[in-house]
Amino acid sequence: MIPKAPRKPFLACIFVMAVLLTACGDADPVDARRYAGTDALVQLMSDNLAAASGLRKIADIDHARMAQDVGSPMPPARVLIISDTALEAQLIKSSPLVALDLPLRLLAFESPAEQSARVTYNSFDYLVSRYQLSPEQTGDLRQVYESNIAELTKGLPKEAIATFANDQMQPDGIVTIQSPFGFEETRQRVNAAIDSQDDTVHFGVVDFQADAKEQGIDIPPSYMILFGAPGPGGKAMADAPTLGLDGFCQKFLLWQDEEGQTYLSFNDLMALVERQDAGKSVALRVINFRLNKTFGDTLAAD
């Protein structure tokens, strides 16, 4: 059994400082009426999901309400995470790291500029750019991906769809740590480190390898852990709710290459901020440091 990782008093102190530094400004609770717009969009997409075949819900994470419950008010933002196991298996077979941007995510959020509800998601061009996918690798997968989005957003007003100005993302926005341990021990150590943090919540897991096997497709071990800290996350998203699409919750990908080497990969939050043209708040910088420090230490050789 892997023991729980020791708690990090130094990191806890940094987090207290971050909360204090970012607490200035308007921290009043969000008026309950402001949730109506995003809730309506999520309900419509949920109804579409219920009527769709081949798609299943992995999680429905209400960033704003969770953050408000722990004293970190932020604008309404709620993300649906939806799996198409056949599509995911084919994409991962083309490039193992693409699993970091799977399953499909759709974020309903309140636009700070218009103060009205919008839905956003990553386009297939974003995946092609970030993972350098060739037409030979993607084949008809673009059509499947875009068809899923069209199915899930059916009935949404055109003005409710928000797109990012930049669909390009370089691979250097991914942090990858090579583990000196086997896959299962790495998974246990990472989960122990997550559980050792007082403010984290588990949202679910996706076993891409097991899902692919059900589709008759063989891929190396590929396992996603979804978790987050609603308090610090709410601080980081207070002025940038669209970070609820990619940056929050945290998505940790455990994977093996064809030689059996195990890795942990996750997003560099600063790179995501640059792509979304959002502000690099103190809270966001501290979270980024915390992730790199905690899990770099967790997977250091004994």
C-alpha atoms as a PDB file:
ATOM      1  CA  MET A   1       0.000   0.000   0.000  1.00  0.00           C
ATOM      2  CA  ILE A   2       1.295   3.485  -0.865  1.00  0.00           C
ATOM      3  CA  PRO A   3       1.206   5.767   2.193  1.00  0.00           C
ATOM      4  CA  LYS A   4      -0.500   9.102   1.961  1.00  0.00           C
ATOM      5  CA  ALA A   5       1.817  11.875   0.897  1.00  0.00           C
ATOM      6  CA  PRO A   6       2.732  14.245   3.734  1.00  0.00           C
ATOM      7  CA  ARG A   7       0.799  17.472   3.871  1.00  0.00           C
ATOM      8  CA  LYS A   8       2.548  20.546   2.584  1.00  0.00           C
ATOM      9  CA  PRO A   9       2.499  23.307   5.255  1.00  0.00           C
ATOM     10  CA  PHE A  10       4.675  25.558   3.107  1.00  0.00           C
ATOM     11  CA  LEU A  11       2.295  25.280   0.172  1.00  0.00           C
ATOM     12  CA  ALA A  12      -0.633  25.832   2.522  1.00  0.00           C
ATOM     13  CA  CYS A  13       0.947  29.113   3.683  1.00  0.00           C
ATOM     14  CA  ILE A  14       1.421  30.193   0.076  1.00  0.00           C
ATOM     15  CA  PHE A  15      -2.204  29.440  -0.604  1.00  0.00           C
ATOM     16  CA  VAL A  16      -3.329  31.532   2.361  1.00  0.00           C
ATOM     17  CA  MET A  17      -1.254  34.415   0.967  1.00  0.00           C
ATOM     18  CA  ALA A  18      -2.807  33.939  -2.455  1.00  0.00           C
ATOM     19  CA  VAL A  19      -6.310  33.995  -1.041  1.00  0.00           C
ATOM     20  CA  LEU A  20      -5.552  37.164   0.896  1.00  0.00           C
ATOM     21  CA  LEU A  21      -4.003  38.850  -2.122  1.00  0.00           C
ATOM     22  CA  THR A  22      -6.898  37.959  -4.397  1.00  0.00           C
ATOM     23  CA  ALA A  23      -9.607  38.688  -1.844  1.00  0.00           C
ATOM     24  CA  CYS A  24      -9.512  42.403  -2.608  1.00  0.00           C
ATOM     25  CA  GLY A  25     -12.309  43.632  -4.835  1.00  0.00           C
ATOM     26  CA  ASP A  26     -15.929  42.542  -4.998  1.00  0.00           C
ATOM     27  CA  ALA A  27     -16.376  39.260  -3.138  1.00  0.00           C
ATOM     28  CA  ASP A  28     -20.117  39.548  -2.564  1.00  0.00           C
ATOM     29  CA  PRO A  29     -22.162  36.367  -3.063  1.00  0.00           C
ATOM     30  CA  VAL A  30     -23.552  35.876  -6.548  1.00  0.00           C
ATOM     31  CA  ASP A  31     -27.253  36.702  -6.858  1.00  0.00           C
ATOM     32  CA  ALA A  32     -29.076  33.402  -7.380  1.00  0.00           C
ATOM     33  CA  ARG A  33     -30.904  34.867 -10.388  1.00  0.00           C
ATOM     34  CA  ARG A  34     -27.623  35.083 -12.309  1.00  0.00           C
ATOM     35  CA  TYR A  35     -27.448  31.279 -12.532  1.00  0.00           C
ATOM     36  CA  ALA A  36     -30.655  31.039 -14.568  1.00  0.00           C
ATOM     37  CA  GLY A  37     -29.018  31.618 -17.961  1.00  0.00           C
ATOM     38  CA  THR A  38     -26.215  29.077 -17.618  1.00  0.00           C
ATOM     39  CA  ASP A  39     -28.556  26.564 -15.970  1.00  0.00           C
ATOM     40  CA  ALA A  40     -30.930  26.814 -18.931  1.00  0.00           C
ATOM     41  CA  LEU A  41     -28.096  26.171 -21.405  1.00  0.00           C
ATOM     42  CA  VAL A  42     -26.870  23.180 -19.407  1.00  0.00           C
ATOM     43  CA  GLN A  43     -30.392  21.781 -19.236  1.00  0.00           C
ATOM     44  CA  LEU A  44     -30.805  22.057 -22.995  1.00  0.00           C
ATOM     45  CA  MET A  45     -27.465  20.313 -23.622  1.00  0.00           C
ATOM     46  CA  SER A  46     -28.349  17.649 -21.046  1.00  0.00           C
ATOM     47  CA  ASP A  47     -31.640  16.994 -22.833  1.00  0.00           C
ATOM     48  CA  ASN A  48     -29.744  16.677 -26.118  1.00  0.00           C
ATOM     49  CA  LEU A  49     -27.322  14.256 -24.479  1.00  0.00           C
ATOM     50  CA  ALA A  50     -30.179  12.092 -23.209  1.00  0.00           C
ATOM     51  CA  ALA A  51     -31.482  11.786 -26.762  1.00  0.00           C
ATOM     52  CA  ALA A  52     -28.072  11.082 -28.335  1.00  0.00           C
ATOM     53  CA  SER A  53     -26.624   7.639 -28.953  1.00  0.00           C
ATOM     54  CA  GLY A  54     -23.030   6.723 -28.242  1.00  0.00           C
ATOM     55  CA  LEU A  55     -22.498   9.580 -25.780  1.00  0.00           C
ATOM     56  CA  ARG A  56     -22.446   9.456 -21.974  1.00  0.00           C
ATOM     57  CA  LYS A  57     -22.007  12.054 -19.249  1.00  0.00           C
ATOM     58  CA  ILE A  58     -18.836  11.790 -17.178  1.00  0.00           C
ATOM     59  CA  ALA A  59     -19.413  14.831 -14.954  1.00  0.00           C
ATOM     60  CA  ASP A  60     -21.440  18.009 -14.511  1.00  0.00           C
ATOM     61  CA  ILE A  61     -19.272  20.410 -12.510  1.00  0.00           C
ATOM     62  CA  ASP A  62     -20.833  23.647 -11.277  1.00  0.00           C
ATOM     63  CA  HIS A  63     -17.716  25.726 -10.679  1.00  0.00           C
ATOM     64  CA  ALA A  64     -19.537  28.823  -9.476  1.00  0.00           C
ATOM     65  CA  ARG A  65     -21.836  27.263  -6.906  1.00  0.00           C
ATOM     66  CA  MET A  66     -19.053  25.083  -5.501  1.00  0.00           C
ATOM     67  CA  ALA A  67     -16.758  28.101  -5.223  1.00  0.00           C
ATOM     68  CA  GLN A  68     -19.447  30.200  -3.575  1.00  0.00           C
ATOM     69  CA  ASP A  69     -20.127  27.436  -1.045  1.00  0.00           C
ATOM     70  CA  VAL A  70     -16.521  27.747   0.179  1.00  0.00           C
ATOM     71  CA  GLY A  71     -16.435  31.546   0.141  1.00  0.00           C
ATOM     72  CA  SER A  72     -14.897  32.234  -3.279  1.00  0.00           C
ATOM     73  CA  PRO A  73     -17.668  33.857  -5.361  1.00  0.00           C
ATOM     74  CA  MET A  74     -17.166  33.852  -9.138  1.00  0.00           C
ATOM     75  CA  PRO A  75     -19.415  34.388 -12.171  1.00  0.00           C
ATOM     76  CA  PRO A  76     -21.678  31.480 -13.174  1.00  0.00           C
ATOM     77  CA  ALA A  77     -19.709  28.714 -14.923  1.00  0.00           C
ATOM     78  CA  ARG A  78     -20.687  25.081 -15.301  1.00  0.00           C
ATOM     79  CA  VAL A  79     -18.975  22.432 -17.408  1.00  0.00           C
ATOM     80  CA  LEU A  80     -20.348  19.216 -18.887  1.00  0.00           C
ATOM     81  CA  ILE A  81     -17.821  16.456 -19.591  1.00  0.00           C
ATOM     82  CA  ILE A  82     -19.145  13.992 -22.165  1.00  0.00           C
ATOM     83  CA  SER A  83     -17.544  10.832 -23.526  1.00  0.00           C
ATOM     84  CA  ASP A  84     -17.628   9.210 -26.960  1.00  0.00           C
ATOM     85  CA  THR A  85     -15.503   6.146 -26.257  1.00  0.00           C
ATOM     86  CA  ALA A  86     -15.095   5.076 -29.884  1.00  0.00           C
ATOM     87  CA  LEU A  87     -13.891   8.532 -30.952  1.00  0.00           C
ATOM     88  CA  GLU A  88     -11.566   8.827 -27.961  1.00  0.00           C
ATOM     89  CA  ALA A  89      -9.976   5.446 -28.607  1.00  0.00           C
ATOM     90  CA  GLN A  90      -9.195   6.354 -32.214  1.00  0.00           C
ATOM     91  CA  LEU A  91      -7.751   9.745 -31.298  1.00  0.00           C
ATOM     92  CA  ILE A  92      -5.579   8.318 -28.515  1.00  0.00           C
ATOM     93  CA  LYS A  93      -4.342   5.614 -30.864  1.00  0.00           C
ATOM     94  CA  SER A  94      -3.119   8.427 -33.130  1.00  0.00           C
ATOM     95  CA  SER A  95      -1.453  10.394 -30.317  1.00  0.00           C
ATOM     96  CA  PRO A  96      -1.459   9.303 -26.624  1.00  0.00           C
ATOM     97  CA  LEU A  97      -1.265  12.846 -25.256  1.00  0.00           C
ATOM     98  CA  VAL A  98      -4.466  13.934 -27.007  1.00  0.00           C
ATOM     99  CA  ALA A  99      -6.274  12.200 -24.126  1.00  0.00           C
ATOM    100  CA  LEU A 100      -5.471  15.289 -22.060  1.00  0.00           C
ATOM    101  CA  ASP A 101      -8.137  17.153 -24.052  1.00  0.00           C
ATOM    102  CA  LEU A 102     -10.647  14.326 -23.833  1.00  0.00           C
ATOM    103  CA  PRO A 103     -13.472  13.657 -23.151  1.00  0.00           C
ATOM    104  CA  LEU A 104     -15.371  16.483 -24.858  1.00  0.00           C
ATOM    105  CA  ARG A 105     -16.137  19.454 -22.621  1.00  0.00           C
ATOM    106  CA  LEU A 106     -18.780  22.153 -23.043  1.00  0.00           C
ATOM    107  CA  LEU A 107     -18.758  25.140 -20.701  1.00  0.00           C
ATOM    108  CA  ALA A 108     -21.810  27.286 -19.970  1.00  0.00           C
ATOM    109  CA  PHE A 109     -20.617  30.562 -18.463  1.00  0.00           C
ATOM    110  CA  GLU A 110     -21.637  34.145 -17.872  1.00  0.00           C
ATOM    111  CA  SER A 111     -19.745  36.416 -20.242  1.00  0.00           C
ATOM    112  CA  PRO A 112     -18.118  39.174 -18.154  1.00  0.00           C
ATOM    113  CA  ALA A 113     -18.536  41.714 -20.973  1.00  0.00           C
ATOM    114  CA  GLU A 114     -22.210  41.138 -21.818  1.00  0.00           C
ATOM    115  CA  GLN A 115     -23.237  39.510 -18.506  1.00  0.00           C
ATOM    116  CA  SER A 116     -25.236  36.989 -20.514  1.00  0.00           C
ATOM    117  CA  ALA A 117     -24.972  33.216 -20.749  1.00  0.00           C
ATOM    118  CA  ARG A 118     -22.754  31.626 -23.389  1.00  0.00           C
ATOM    119  CA  VAL A 119     -21.473  28.143 -24.281  1.00  0.00           C
ATOM    120  CA  THR A 120     -17.938  27.446 -25.431  1.00  0.00           C
ATOM    121  CA  TYR A 121     -15.860  24.386 -26.318  1.00  0.00           C
ATOM    122  CA  ASN A 122     -12.621  23.479 -28.071  1.00  0.00           C
ATOM    123  CA  SER A 123     -12.803  23.035 -31.826  1.00  0.00           C
ATOM    124  CA  PHE A 124     -11.269  20.083 -33.653  1.00  0.00           C
ATOM    125  CA  ASP A 125      -8.740  22.525 -35.131  1.00  0.00           C
ATOM    126  CA  TYR A 126      -7.528  23.132 -31.588  1.00  0.00           C
ATOM    127  CA  LEU A 127      -6.784  19.413 -31.161  1.00  0.00           C
ATOM    128  CA  VAL A 128      -5.055  19.257 -34.551  1.00  0.00           C
ATOM    129  CA  SER A 129      -2.854  22.225 -33.639  1.00  0.00           C
ATOM    130  CA  ARG A 130      -1.983  21.194 -30.102  1.00  0.00           C
ATOM    131  CA  TYR A 131      -1.159  17.578 -30.887  1.00  0.00           C
ATOM    132  CA  GLN A 132       0.184  18.082 -34.407  1.00  0.00           C
ATOM    133  CA  LEU A 133      -2.325  15.629 -35.866  1.00  0.00           C
ATOM    134  CA  SER A 134      -2.050  14.912 -39.576  1.00  0.00           C
ATOM    135  CA  PRO A 135      -4.989  14.331 -41.956  1.00  0.00           C
ATOM    136  CA  GLU A 136      -3.875  10.704 -42.177  1.00  0.00           C
ATOM    137  CA  GLN A 137      -4.209  10.365 -38.396  1.00  0.00           C
ATOM    138  CA  THR A 138      -7.586  12.060 -38.078  1.00  0.00           C
ATOM    139  CA  GLY A 139      -9.371  10.633 -41.141  1.00  0.00           C
ATOM    140  CA  ASP A 140     -13.116  11.073 -40.562  1.00  0.00           C
ATOM    141  CA  LEU A 141     -12.672  11.784 -36.843  1.00  0.00           C
ATOM    142  CA  ARG A 142     -13.184  15.516 -37.426  1.00  0.00           C
ATOM    143  CA  GLN A 143     -16.656  14.821 -38.771  1.00  0.00           C
ATOM    144  CA  VAL A 144     -17.525  12.671 -35.749  1.00  0.00           C
ATOM    145  CA  TYR A 145     -16.199  15.278 -33.283  1.00  0.00           C
ATOM    146  CA  GLU A 146     -18.054  18.152 -34.944  1.00  0.00           C
ATOM    147  CA  SER A 147     -21.209  16.062 -35.261  1.00  0.00           C
ATOM    148  CA  ASN A 148     -21.127  15.432 -31.495  1.00  0.00           C
ATOM    149  CA  ILE A 149     -20.858  19.146 -30.796  1.00  0.00           C
ATOM    150  CA  ALA A 150     -23.696  19.913 -33.202  1.00  0.00           C
ATOM    151  CA  GLU A 151     -25.861  17.265 -31.537  1.00  0.00           C
ATOM    152  CA  LEU A 152     -25.178  18.544 -28.025  1.00  0.00           C
ATOM    153  CA  THR A 153     -25.682  22.230 -28.867  1.00  0.00           C
ATOM    154  CA  LYS A 154     -28.792  21.682 -30.979  1.00  0.00           C
ATOM    155  CA  GLY A 155     -31.398  24.325 -30.211  1.00  0.00           C
ATOM    156  CA  LEU A 156     -28.961  26.833 -28.702  1.00  0.00           C
ATOM    157  CA  PRO A 157     -29.288  30.336 -30.177  1.00  0.00           C
ATOM    158  CA  LYS A 158     -26.358  31.205 -32.447  1.00  0.00           C
ATOM    159  CA  GLU A 159     -25.552  34.201 -30.284  1.00  0.00           C
ATOM    160  CA  ALA A 160     -25.126  31.886 -27.286  1.00  0.00           C
ATOM    161  CA  ILE A 161     -22.114  30.130 -28.858  1.00  0.00           C
ATOM    162  CA  ALA A 162     -18.796  31.747 -27.955  1.00  0.00           C
ATOM    163  CA  THR A 163     -15.578  30.840 -29.744  1.00  0.00           C
ATOM    164  CA  PHE A 164     -12.003  31.617 -28.812  1.00  0.00           C
ATOM    165  CA  ALA A 165     -10.122  34.035 -31.046  1.00  0.00           C
ATOM    166  CA  ASN A 166      -7.178  31.622 -31.080  1.00  0.00           C
ATOM    167  CA  ASP A 167      -7.613  27.981 -32.076  1.00  0.00           C
ATOM    168  CA  GLN A 168      -3.866  27.380 -31.998  1.00  0.00           C
ATOM    169  CA  MET A 169      -2.047  25.805 -29.056  1.00  0.00           C
ATOM    170  CA  GLN A 170       1.499  24.549 -28.957  1.00  0.00           C
ATOM    171  CA  PRO A 171       2.511  21.261 -27.275  1.00  0.00           C
ATOM    172  CA  ASP A 172       4.768  23.138 -24.850  1.00  0.00           C
ATOM    173  CA  GLY A 173       1.657  24.040 -22.850  1.00  0.00           C
ATOM    174  CA  ILE A 174       1.688  20.514 -21.400  1.00  0.00           C
ATOM    175  CA  VAL A 175       3.700  19.491 -18.333  1.00  0.00           C
ATOM    176  CA  THR A 176       4.868  15.871 -18.537  1.00  0.00           C
ATOM    177  CA  ILE A 177       6.651  14.123 -15.664  1.00  0.00           C
ATOM    178  CA  GLN A 178       8.339  10.791 -16.288  1.00  0.00           C
ATOM    179  CA  SER A 179       7.571   8.420 -13.436  1.00  0.00           C
ATOM    180  CA  PRO A 180      10.245   6.104 -12.028  1.00  0.00           C
ATOM    181  CA  PHE A 181       7.432   3.766 -10.931  1.00  0.00           C
ATOM    182  CA  GLY A 182       5.112   1.375 -12.710  1.00  0.00           C
ATOM    183  CA  PHE A 183       1.676   2.459 -13.877  1.00  0.00           C
ATOM    184  CA  GLU A 184      -0.317   1.190 -10.889  1.00  0.00           C
ATOM    185  CA  GLU A 185       2.126   2.510  -8.288  1.00  0.00           C
ATOM    186  CA  THR A 186       2.190   5.866 -10.066  1.00  0.00           C
ATOM    187  CA  ARG A 187      -1.615   5.986  -9.988  1.00  0.00           C
ATOM    188  CA  GLN A 188      -1.652   5.219  -6.258  1.00  0.00           C
ATOM    189  CA  ARG A 189       0.985   7.844  -5.497  1.00  0.00           C
ATOM    190  CA  VAL A 190      -0.796  10.531  -7.510  1.00  0.00           C
ATOM    191  CA  ASN A 191      -4.141   9.780  -5.833  1.00  0.00           C
ATOM    192  CA  ALA A 192      -2.473   9.812  -2.407  1.00  0.00           C
ATOM    193  CA  ALA A 193      -0.977  13.227  -3.156  1.00  0.00           C
ATOM    194  CA  ILE A 194      -4.372  14.550  -4.281  1.00  0.00           C
ATOM    195  CA  ASP A 195      -6.053  13.187  -1.151  1.00  0.00           C
ATOM    196  CA  SER A 196      -3.379  14.740   1.068  1.00  0.00           C
ATOM    197  CA  GLN A 197      -4.507  18.236   0.093  1.00  0.00           C
ATOM    198  CA  ASP A 198      -7.195  19.553   2.431  1.00  0.00           C
ATOM    199  CA  ASP A 199      -9.154  21.479  -0.193  1.00  0.00           C
ATOM    200  CA  THR A 200      -9.438  19.050  -3.108  1.00  0.00           C
ATOM    201  CA  VAL A 201     -12.499  17.270  -4.476  1.00  0.00           C
ATOM    202  CA  HIS A 202     -12.531  14.210  -6.769  1.00  0.00           C
ATOM    203  CA  PHE A 203     -14.915  14.542  -9.734  1.00  0.00           C
ATOM    204  CA  GLY A 204     -14.330  11.215 -11.439  1.00  0.00           C
ATOM    205  CA  VAL A 205     -11.981   9.135 -13.565  1.00  0.00           C
ATOM    206  CA  VAL A 206     -11.897   7.968 -17.175  1.00  0.00           C
ATOM    207  CA  ASP A 207     -10.142   4.698 -18.003  1.00  0.00           C
ATOM    208  CA  PHE A 208      -9.505   5.251 -21.700  1.00  0.00           C
ATOM    209  CA  GLN A 209      -7.775   1.896 -22.112  1.00  0.00           C
ATOM    210  CA  ALA A 210     -10.729  -0.036 -20.675  1.00  0.00           C
ATOM    211  CA  ASP A 211     -13.173   1.998 -22.784  1.00  0.00           C
ATOM    212  CA  ALA A 212     -11.101   1.357 -25.910  1.00  0.00           C
ATOM    213  CA  LYS A 213     -11.032  -2.371 -25.189  1.00  0.00           C
ATOM    214  CA  GLU A 214     -14.837  -2.394 -25.217  1.00  0.00           C
ATOM    215  CA  GLN A 215     -14.600  -0.939 -28.728  1.00  0.00           C
ATOM    216  CA  GLY A 216     -12.163  -3.664 -29.799  1.00  0.00           C
ATOM    217  CA  ILE A 217      -9.252  -1.203 -29.920  1.00  0.00           C
ATOM    218  CA  ASP A 218      -5.948  -1.808 -28.143  1.00  0.00           C
ATOM    219  CA  ILE A 219      -4.153   1.204 -26.677  1.00  0.00           C
ATOM    220  CA  PRO A 220      -1.544   1.403 -23.889  1.00  0.00           C
ATOM    221  CA  PRO A 221      -2.732   2.331 -20.376  1.00  0.00           C
ATOM    222  CA  SER A 222      -4.366   5.771 -20.421  1.00  0.00           C
ATOM    223  CA  TYR A 223      -6.208   7.018 -17.340  1.00  0.00           C
ATOM    224  CA  MET A 224      -7.662  10.434 -16.536  1.00  0.00           C
ATOM    225  CA  ILE A 225      -8.158  11.755 -12.998  1.00  0.00           C
ATOM    226  CA  LEU A 226     -10.542  14.708 -12.590  1.00  0.00           C
ATOM    227  CA  PHE A 227     -10.193  16.760  -9.409  1.00  0.00           C
ATOM    228  CA  GLY A 228      -9.988  20.318  -8.149  1.00  0.00           C
ATOM    229  CA  ALA A 229     -10.000  22.762  -5.263  1.00  0.00           C
ATOM    230  CA  PRO A 230     -13.184  24.894  -5.443  1.00  0.00           C
ATOM    231  CA  GLY A 231     -11.876  27.694  -3.214  1.00  0.00           C
ATOM    232  CA  PRO A 232      -8.612  28.510  -5.001  1.00  0.00           C
ATOM    233  CA  GLY A 233     -10.203  27.630  -8.330  1.00  0.00           C
ATOM    234  CA  GLY A 234     -12.971  30.142  -7.751  1.00  0.00           C
ATOM    235  CA  LYS A 235     -10.385  32.841  -7.012  1.00  0.00           C
ATOM    236  CA  ALA A 236      -8.517  32.009 -10.208  1.00  0.00           C
ATOM    237  CA  MET A 237     -11.709  32.034 -12.320  1.00  0.00           C
ATOM    238  CA  ALA A 238     -13.214  35.177 -10.769  1.00  0.00           C
ATOM    239  CA  ASP A 239     -12.151  37.315 -13.739  1.00  0.00           C
ATOM    240  CA  ALA A 240     -11.735  34.474 -16.244  1.00  0.00           C
ATOM    241  CA  PRO A 241     -14.675  32.027 -16.053  1.00  0.00           C
ATOM    242  CA  THR A 242     -13.732  30.428 -19.398  1.00  0.00           C
ATOM    243  CA  LEU A 243     -10.823  28.754 -17.589  1.00  0.00           C
ATOM    244  CA  GLY A 244     -13.548  26.418 -16.327  1.00  0.00           C
ATOM    245  CA  LEU A 245     -13.297  24.701 -19.713  1.00  0.00           C
ATOM    246  CA  ASP A 246      -9.611  23.692 -19.733  1.00  0.00           C
ATOM    247  CA  GLY A 247      -7.915  24.741 -16.513  1.00  0.00           C
ATOM    248  CA  PHE A 248     -10.551  23.667 -14.002  1.00  0.00           C
ATOM    249  CA  CYS A 249     -11.220  21.044 -12.909  1.00  0.00           C
ATOM    250  CA  GLN A 250      -7.688  19.662 -13.024  1.00  0.00           C
ATOM    251  CA  LYS A 251      -7.183  16.897 -15.572  1.00  0.00           C
ATOM    252  CA  PHE A 252      -4.313  14.547 -14.777  1.00  0.00           C
ATOM    253  CA  LEU A 253      -3.462  12.041 -17.474  1.00  0.00           C
ATOM    254  CA  LEU A 254      -1.546   8.894 -16.523  1.00  0.00           C
ATOM    255  CA  TRP A 255      -0.276   7.076 -19.596  1.00  0.00           C
ATOM    256  CA  GLN A 256       2.310   4.655 -20.897  1.00  0.00           C
ATOM    257  CA  ASP A 257       4.245   4.719 -24.120  1.00  0.00           C
ATOM    258  CA  GLU A 258       4.808   1.661 -26.288  1.00  0.00           C
ATOM    259  CA  GLU A 259       7.964   0.814 -24.334  1.00  0.00           C
ATOM    260  CA  GLY A 260       6.021   0.668 -21.054  1.00  0.00           C
ATOM    261  CA  GLN A 261       7.367   3.927 -19.569  1.00  0.00           C
ATOM    262  CA  THR A 262       4.796   5.662 -17.348  1.00  0.00           C
ATOM    263  CA  TYR A 263       4.133   9.420 -17.425  1.00  0.00           C
ATOM    264  CA  LEU A 264       1.922  11.996 -15.733  1.00  0.00           C
ATOM    265  CA  SER A 265       0.778  14.872 -17.953  1.00  0.00           C
ATOM    266  CA  PHE A 266      -1.290  17.946 -17.111  1.00  0.00           C
ATOM    267  CA  ASN A 267      -1.901  21.453 -18.419  1.00  0.00           C
ATOM    268  CA  ASP A 268       0.385  24.397 -17.760  1.00  0.00           C
ATOM    269  CA  LEU A 269      -2.229  26.902 -16.590  1.00  0.00           C
ATOM    270  CA  MET A 270      -0.170  29.864 -17.785  1.00  0.00           C
ATOM    271  CA  ALA A 271      -0.282  28.531 -21.340  1.00  0.00           C
ATOM    272  CA  LEU A 272      -4.056  28.134 -21.159  1.00  0.00           C
ATOM    273  CA  VAL A 273      -4.418  31.705 -19.919  1.00  0.00           C
ATOM    274  CA  GLU A 274      -2.369  33.031 -22.830  1.00  0.00           C
ATOM    275  CA  ARG A 275      -4.480  31.111 -25.327  1.00  0.00           C
ATOM    276  CA  GLN A 276      -7.690  32.476 -23.799  1.00  0.00           C
ATOM    277  CA  ASP A 277      -6.222  35.971 -23.389  1.00  0.00           C
ATOM    278  CA  ALA A 278      -7.162  36.001 -19.703  1.00  0.00           C
ATOM    279  CA  GLY A 279      -5.373  37.597 -16.763  1.00  0.00           C
ATOM    280  CA  LYS A 280      -2.577  35.790 -14.920  1.00  0.00           C
ATOM    281  CA  SER A 281      -3.888  36.286 -11.396  1.00  0.00           C
ATOM    282  CA  VAL A 282      -1.854  35.585  -8.275  1.00  0.00           C
ATOM    283  CA  ALA A 283      -4.211  32.724  -7.369  1.00  0.00           C
ATOM    284  CA  LEU A 284      -3.672  31.131 -10.779  1.00  0.00           C
ATOM    285  CA  ARG A 285       0.103  31.402 -10.506  1.00  0.00           C
ATOM    286  CA  VAL A 286       0.035  29.808  -7.066  1.00  0.00           C
ATOM    287  CA  ILE A 287      -2.126  26.911  -8.273  1.00  0.00           C
ATOM    288  CA  ASN A 288       0.271  26.338 -11.168  1.00  0.00           C
ATOM    289  CA  PHE A 289       3.231  26.300  -8.779  1.00  0.00           C
ATOM    290  CA  ARG A 290       1.383  24.001  -6.420  1.00  0.00           C
ATOM    291  CA  LEU A 291       0.659  21.449  -9.142  1.00  0.00           C
ATOM    292  CA  ASN A 292       4.223  21.371 -10.435  1.00  0.00           C
ATOM    293  CA  LYS A 293       5.804  21.246  -6.982  1.00  0.00           C
ATOM    294  CA  THR A 294       3.458  18.722  -5.367  1.00  0.00           C
ATOM    295  CA  PHE A 295       3.384  16.193  -8.172  1.00  0.00           C
ATOM    296  CA  GLY A 296       6.990  16.670  -9.194  1.00  0.00           C
ATOM    297  CA  ASP A 297       7.913  15.703  -5.638  1.00  0.00           C
ATOM    298  CA  THR A 298       5.370  12.865  -5.612  1.00  0.00           C
ATOM    299  CA  LEU A 299       6.994  11.196  -8.614  1.00  0.00           C
ATOM    300  CA  ALA A 300      10.587  11.841  -7.640  1.00  0.00           C
ATOM    301  CA  ALA A 301      12.642   8.663  -7.295  1.00  0.00           C
ATOM    302  CA  ASP A 302      12.782   7.390  -3.690  1.00  0.00           C
END
